[in-house]
Amino acid sequence: MFPNTTFKKEVIEKIEDKEISYLLLMDWTESEDVVTLRNRADIDYILDCLAALKLKKVSKSPDTSKEVYYITITGQRENLFSLFLSDSKYMLITDFKNNSVQQYEIENDFDLNKIKKFFGNGNKNKNSQSL
């Protein structure tokens, strides 16, 4: 049996906020829209929402996702992490520095609307405001 963990432990604690240049969000559910977040408040909002996730390692996640979001956390010169978030139930985390990939089941509730809100309202394929 795999030990439980958190998004905070697996991602947030492995990077320093000052390293993050932007987040790239992709909605793979319907239209494959892309939004780049460069505003520190937007980046912090997404990471704070994800930090509360309780994760349980799984060897395989079901391939029946109805909603899929892809997030890339990018530092000053390189991708740090990528995340696939499926139906608020599963997450695949790629750690580029350690060259590792791990699948997780999300054990607590997560509202996908916290990510969806960045799509639409003129945000699609555009950058959020810079600091």
C-alpha atoms as a PDB file:
ATOM      1  CA  MET A   1       0.000   0.000   0.000  1.00  0.00           C
ATOM      2  CA  PHE A   2       1.256   3.453  -0.931  1.00  0.00           C
ATOM      3  CA  PRO A   3       1.599   6.140   1.746  1.00  0.00           C
ATOM      4  CA  ASN A   4      -0.651   9.183   1.609  1.00  0.00           C
ATOM      5  CA  THR A   5       0.803  12.598   0.868  1.00  0.00           C
ATOM      6  CA  THR A   6      -0.257  16.109  -0.078  1.00  0.00           C
ATOM      7  CA  PHE A   7       0.183  18.403  -3.057  1.00  0.00           C
ATOM      8  CA  LYS A   8       1.993  20.780  -0.752  1.00  0.00           C
ATOM      9  CA  LYS A   9       4.605  18.125   0.072  1.00  0.00           C
ATOM     10  CA  GLU A  10       4.976  16.783  -3.469  1.00  0.00           C
ATOM     11  CA  VAL A  11       5.149  20.140  -5.288  1.00  0.00           C
ATOM     12  CA  ILE A  12       4.989  23.326  -3.195  1.00  0.00           C
ATOM     13  CA  GLU A  13       7.762  22.366  -0.756  1.00  0.00           C
ATOM     14  CA  LYS A  14      10.055  21.369  -3.636  1.00  0.00           C
ATOM     15  CA  ILE A  15       9.988  24.806  -5.249  1.00  0.00           C
ATOM     16  CA  GLU A  16      10.303  28.320  -3.944  1.00  0.00           C
ATOM     17  CA  ASP A  17       7.584  30.770  -4.943  1.00  0.00           C
ATOM     18  CA  LYS A  18      10.171  33.243  -6.186  1.00  0.00           C
ATOM     19  CA  GLU A  19      11.264  30.747  -8.841  1.00  0.00           C
ATOM     20  CA  ILE A  20       7.889  30.605 -10.560  1.00  0.00           C
ATOM     21  CA  SER A  21       7.700  32.772 -13.676  1.00  0.00           C
ATOM     22  CA  TYR A  22       4.283  31.637 -14.863  1.00  0.00           C
ATOM     23  CA  LEU A  23       1.645  28.917 -14.927  1.00  0.00           C
ATOM     24  CA  LEU A  24       0.339  27.584 -18.207  1.00  0.00           C
ATOM     25  CA  LEU A  25      -3.237  26.279 -17.933  1.00  0.00           C
ATOM     26  CA  MET A  26      -4.830  24.138 -20.637  1.00  0.00           C
ATOM     27  CA  ASP A  27      -8.425  22.992 -20.773  1.00  0.00           C
ATOM     28  CA  TRP A  28      -8.400  19.643 -22.571  1.00  0.00           C
ATOM     29  CA  THR A  29     -12.071  18.993 -21.894  1.00  0.00           C
ATOM     30  CA  GLU A  30     -13.600  20.523 -24.993  1.00  0.00           C
ATOM     31  CA  SER A  31     -11.688  23.223 -26.774  1.00  0.00           C
ATOM     32  CA  GLU A  32      -8.052  22.882 -25.666  1.00  0.00           C
ATOM     33  CA  ASP A  33      -7.957  26.531 -24.605  1.00  0.00           C
ATOM     34  CA  VAL A  34      -4.689  27.853 -23.176  1.00  0.00           C
ATOM     35  CA  VAL A  35      -4.163  30.592 -20.581  1.00  0.00           C
ATOM     36  CA  THR A  36      -0.804  31.841 -19.287  1.00  0.00           C
ATOM     37  CA  LEU A  37      -0.839  33.281 -15.765  1.00  0.00           C
ATOM     38  CA  ARG A  38       2.009  35.654 -14.952  1.00  0.00           C
ATOM     39  CA  ASN A  39       0.304  37.702 -12.248  1.00  0.00           C
ATOM     40  CA  ARG A  40       1.686  36.703  -8.832  1.00  0.00           C
ATOM     41  CA  ALA A  41      -1.800  36.819  -7.270  1.00  0.00           C
ATOM     42  CA  ASP A  42      -3.185  34.420  -9.922  1.00  0.00           C
ATOM     43  CA  ILE A  43      -0.235  32.037  -9.502  1.00  0.00           C
ATOM     44  CA  ASP A  44      -0.593  32.089  -5.706  1.00  0.00           C
ATOM     45  CA  TYR A  45      -4.357  31.533  -5.972  1.00  0.00           C
ATOM     46  CA  ILE A  46      -3.950  28.370  -8.076  1.00  0.00           C
ATOM     47  CA  LEU A  47      -1.108  26.975  -5.961  1.00  0.00           C
ATOM     48  CA  ASP A  48      -2.945  27.753  -2.705  1.00  0.00           C
ATOM     49  CA  CYS A  49      -6.048  25.936  -3.985  1.00  0.00           C
ATOM     50  CA  LEU A  50      -3.983  22.899  -4.964  1.00  0.00           C
ATOM     51  CA  ALA A  51      -1.886  22.944  -1.748  1.00  0.00           C
ATOM     52  CA  ALA A  52      -4.843  21.640   0.271  1.00  0.00           C
ATOM     53  CA  LEU A  53      -5.167  18.462  -1.817  1.00  0.00           C
ATOM     54  CA  LYS A  54      -4.649  15.178  -0.006  1.00  0.00           C
ATOM     55  CA  LEU A  55      -3.169  12.603  -2.362  1.00  0.00           C
ATOM     56  CA  LYS A  56      -2.923   8.830  -2.412  1.00  0.00           C
ATOM     57  CA  LYS A  57      -0.498   7.191  -4.835  1.00  0.00           C
ATOM     58  CA  VAL A  58      -2.103   4.842  -7.327  1.00  0.00           C
ATOM     59  CA  SER A  59      -0.548   2.622  -9.944  1.00  0.00           C
ATOM     60  CA  LYS A  60      -3.133   3.554 -12.573  1.00  0.00           C
ATOM     61  CA  SER A  61      -5.978   6.008 -12.915  1.00  0.00           C
ATOM     62  CA  PRO A  62      -9.157   5.240 -14.870  1.00  0.00           C
ATOM     63  CA  ASP A  63      -9.301   6.476 -18.445  1.00  0.00           C
ATOM     64  CA  THR A  64     -12.868   7.763 -18.177  1.00  0.00           C
ATOM     65  CA  SER A  65     -12.220  11.437 -17.487  1.00  0.00           C
ATOM     66  CA  LYS A  66     -14.840  13.953 -18.543  1.00  0.00           C
ATOM     67  CA  GLU A  67     -12.871  17.029 -17.504  1.00  0.00           C
ATOM     68  CA  VAL A  68      -9.098  17.274 -17.880  1.00  0.00           C
ATOM     69  CA  TYR A  69      -6.864  20.236 -17.109  1.00  0.00           C
ATOM     70  CA  TYR A  70      -3.125  20.450 -17.681  1.00  0.00           C
ATOM     71  CA  ILE A  71      -0.983  22.874 -15.680  1.00  0.00           C
ATOM     72  CA  THR A  72       2.696  23.606 -16.186  1.00  0.00           C
ATOM     73  CA  ILE A  73       4.625  25.352 -13.418  1.00  0.00           C
ATOM     74  CA  THR A  74       7.523  27.168 -15.039  1.00  0.00           C
ATOM     75  CA  GLY A  75      10.549  28.738 -13.390  1.00  0.00           C
ATOM     76  CA  GLN A  76      12.834  31.389 -14.807  1.00  0.00           C
ATOM     77  CA  ARG A  77      14.442  29.105 -17.371  1.00  0.00           C
ATOM     78  CA  GLU A  78      12.762  25.704 -17.154  1.00  0.00           C
ATOM     79  CA  ASN A  79       9.610  23.737 -16.497  1.00  0.00           C
ATOM     80  CA  LEU A  80       9.500  22.682 -12.848  1.00  0.00           C
ATOM     81  CA  PHE A  81       6.352  20.539 -12.704  1.00  0.00           C
ATOM     82  CA  SER A  82       3.443  19.544 -14.900  1.00  0.00           C
ATOM     83  CA  LEU A  83       0.073  18.412 -13.604  1.00  0.00           C
ATOM     84  CA  PHE A  84      -2.816  16.568 -15.206  1.00  0.00           C
ATOM     85  CA  LEU A  85      -5.978  17.076 -13.178  1.00  0.00           C
ATOM     86  CA  SER A  86      -8.808  14.705 -14.118  1.00  0.00           C
ATOM     87  CA  ASP A  87     -12.388  15.127 -12.909  1.00  0.00           C
ATOM     88  CA  SER A  88     -11.313  16.493  -9.491  1.00  0.00           C
ATOM     89  CA  LYS A  89     -10.419  12.894  -8.641  1.00  0.00           C
ATOM     90  CA  TYR A  90      -7.013  12.124 -10.104  1.00  0.00           C
ATOM     91  CA  MET A  91      -3.746  13.961 -10.613  1.00  0.00           C
ATOM     92  CA  LEU A  92      -0.589  13.007 -12.458  1.00  0.00           C
ATOM     93  CA  ILE A  93       2.485  14.987 -11.371  1.00  0.00           C
ATOM     94  CA  THR A  94       5.675  15.215 -13.413  1.00  0.00           C
ATOM     95  CA  ASP A  95       8.704  16.501 -11.499  1.00  0.00           C
ATOM     96  CA  PHE A  96      11.137  17.643 -14.190  1.00  0.00           C
ATOM     97  CA  LYS A  97      14.057  18.223 -11.815  1.00  0.00           C
ATOM     98  CA  ASN A  98      13.918  14.657 -10.486  1.00  0.00           C
ATOM     99  CA  ASN A  99      12.720  13.179 -13.772  1.00  0.00           C
ATOM    100  CA  SER A 100       9.809  11.426 -12.080  1.00  0.00           C
ATOM    101  CA  VAL A 101       6.125  10.881 -12.794  1.00  0.00           C
ATOM    102  CA  GLN A 102       3.548   9.784 -10.225  1.00  0.00           C
ATOM    103  CA  GLN A 103      -0.210   9.238 -10.352  1.00  0.00           C
ATOM    104  CA  TYR A 104      -2.465  10.108  -7.426  1.00  0.00           C
ATOM    105  CA  GLU A 105      -6.054   9.812  -6.394  1.00  0.00           C
ATOM    106  CA  ILE A 106      -7.328  13.028  -4.825  1.00  0.00           C
ATOM    107  CA  GLU A 107      -8.818  12.097  -1.466  1.00  0.00           C
ATOM    108  CA  ASN A 108     -10.564  15.340  -0.566  1.00  0.00           C
ATOM    109  CA  ASP A 109     -12.968  17.557  -2.502  1.00  0.00           C
ATOM    110  CA  PHE A 110     -11.590  19.941  -5.092  1.00  0.00           C
ATOM    111  CA  ASP A 111     -13.705  22.444  -6.988  1.00  0.00           C
ATOM    112  CA  LEU A 112     -12.581  22.558 -10.631  1.00  0.00           C
ATOM    113  CA  ASN A 113     -14.321  25.935 -10.937  1.00  0.00           C
ATOM    114  CA  LYS A 114     -11.249  27.413  -9.233  1.00  0.00           C
ATOM    115  CA  ILE A 115      -9.333  26.598 -12.410  1.00  0.00           C
ATOM    116  CA  LYS A 116     -12.212  27.028 -14.871  1.00  0.00           C
ATOM    117  CA  LYS A 117     -12.657  30.651 -13.836  1.00  0.00           C
ATOM    118  CA  PHE A 118      -9.464  31.577 -15.715  1.00  0.00           C
ATOM    119  CA  PHE A 119     -10.994  30.452 -19.018  1.00  0.00           C
ATOM    120  CA  GLY A 120     -13.512  32.700 -20.714  1.00  0.00           C
ATOM    121  CA  ASN A 121     -14.103  36.367 -19.928  1.00  0.00           C
ATOM    122  CA  GLY A 122     -11.483  37.255 -22.522  1.00  0.00           C
ATOM    123  CA  ASN A 123      -8.734  35.245 -20.808  1.00  0.00           C
ATOM    124  CA  LYS A 124      -8.432  32.481 -23.395  1.00  0.00           C
ATOM    125  CA  ASN A 125      -5.057  32.357 -25.107  1.00  0.00           C
ATOM    126  CA  LYS A 126      -3.985  35.522 -23.327  1.00  0.00           C
ATOM    127  CA  ASN A 127      -1.573  36.326 -20.522  1.00  0.00           C
ATOM    128  CA  SER A 128      -2.802  37.564 -17.173  1.00  0.00           C
ATOM    129  CA  GLN A 129      -1.422  40.921 -16.092  1.00  0.00           C
ATOM    130  CA  SER A 130       2.232  40.984 -15.059  1.00  0.00           C
ATOM    131  CA  LEU A 131       3.363  42.501 -11.767  1.00  0.00           C
END
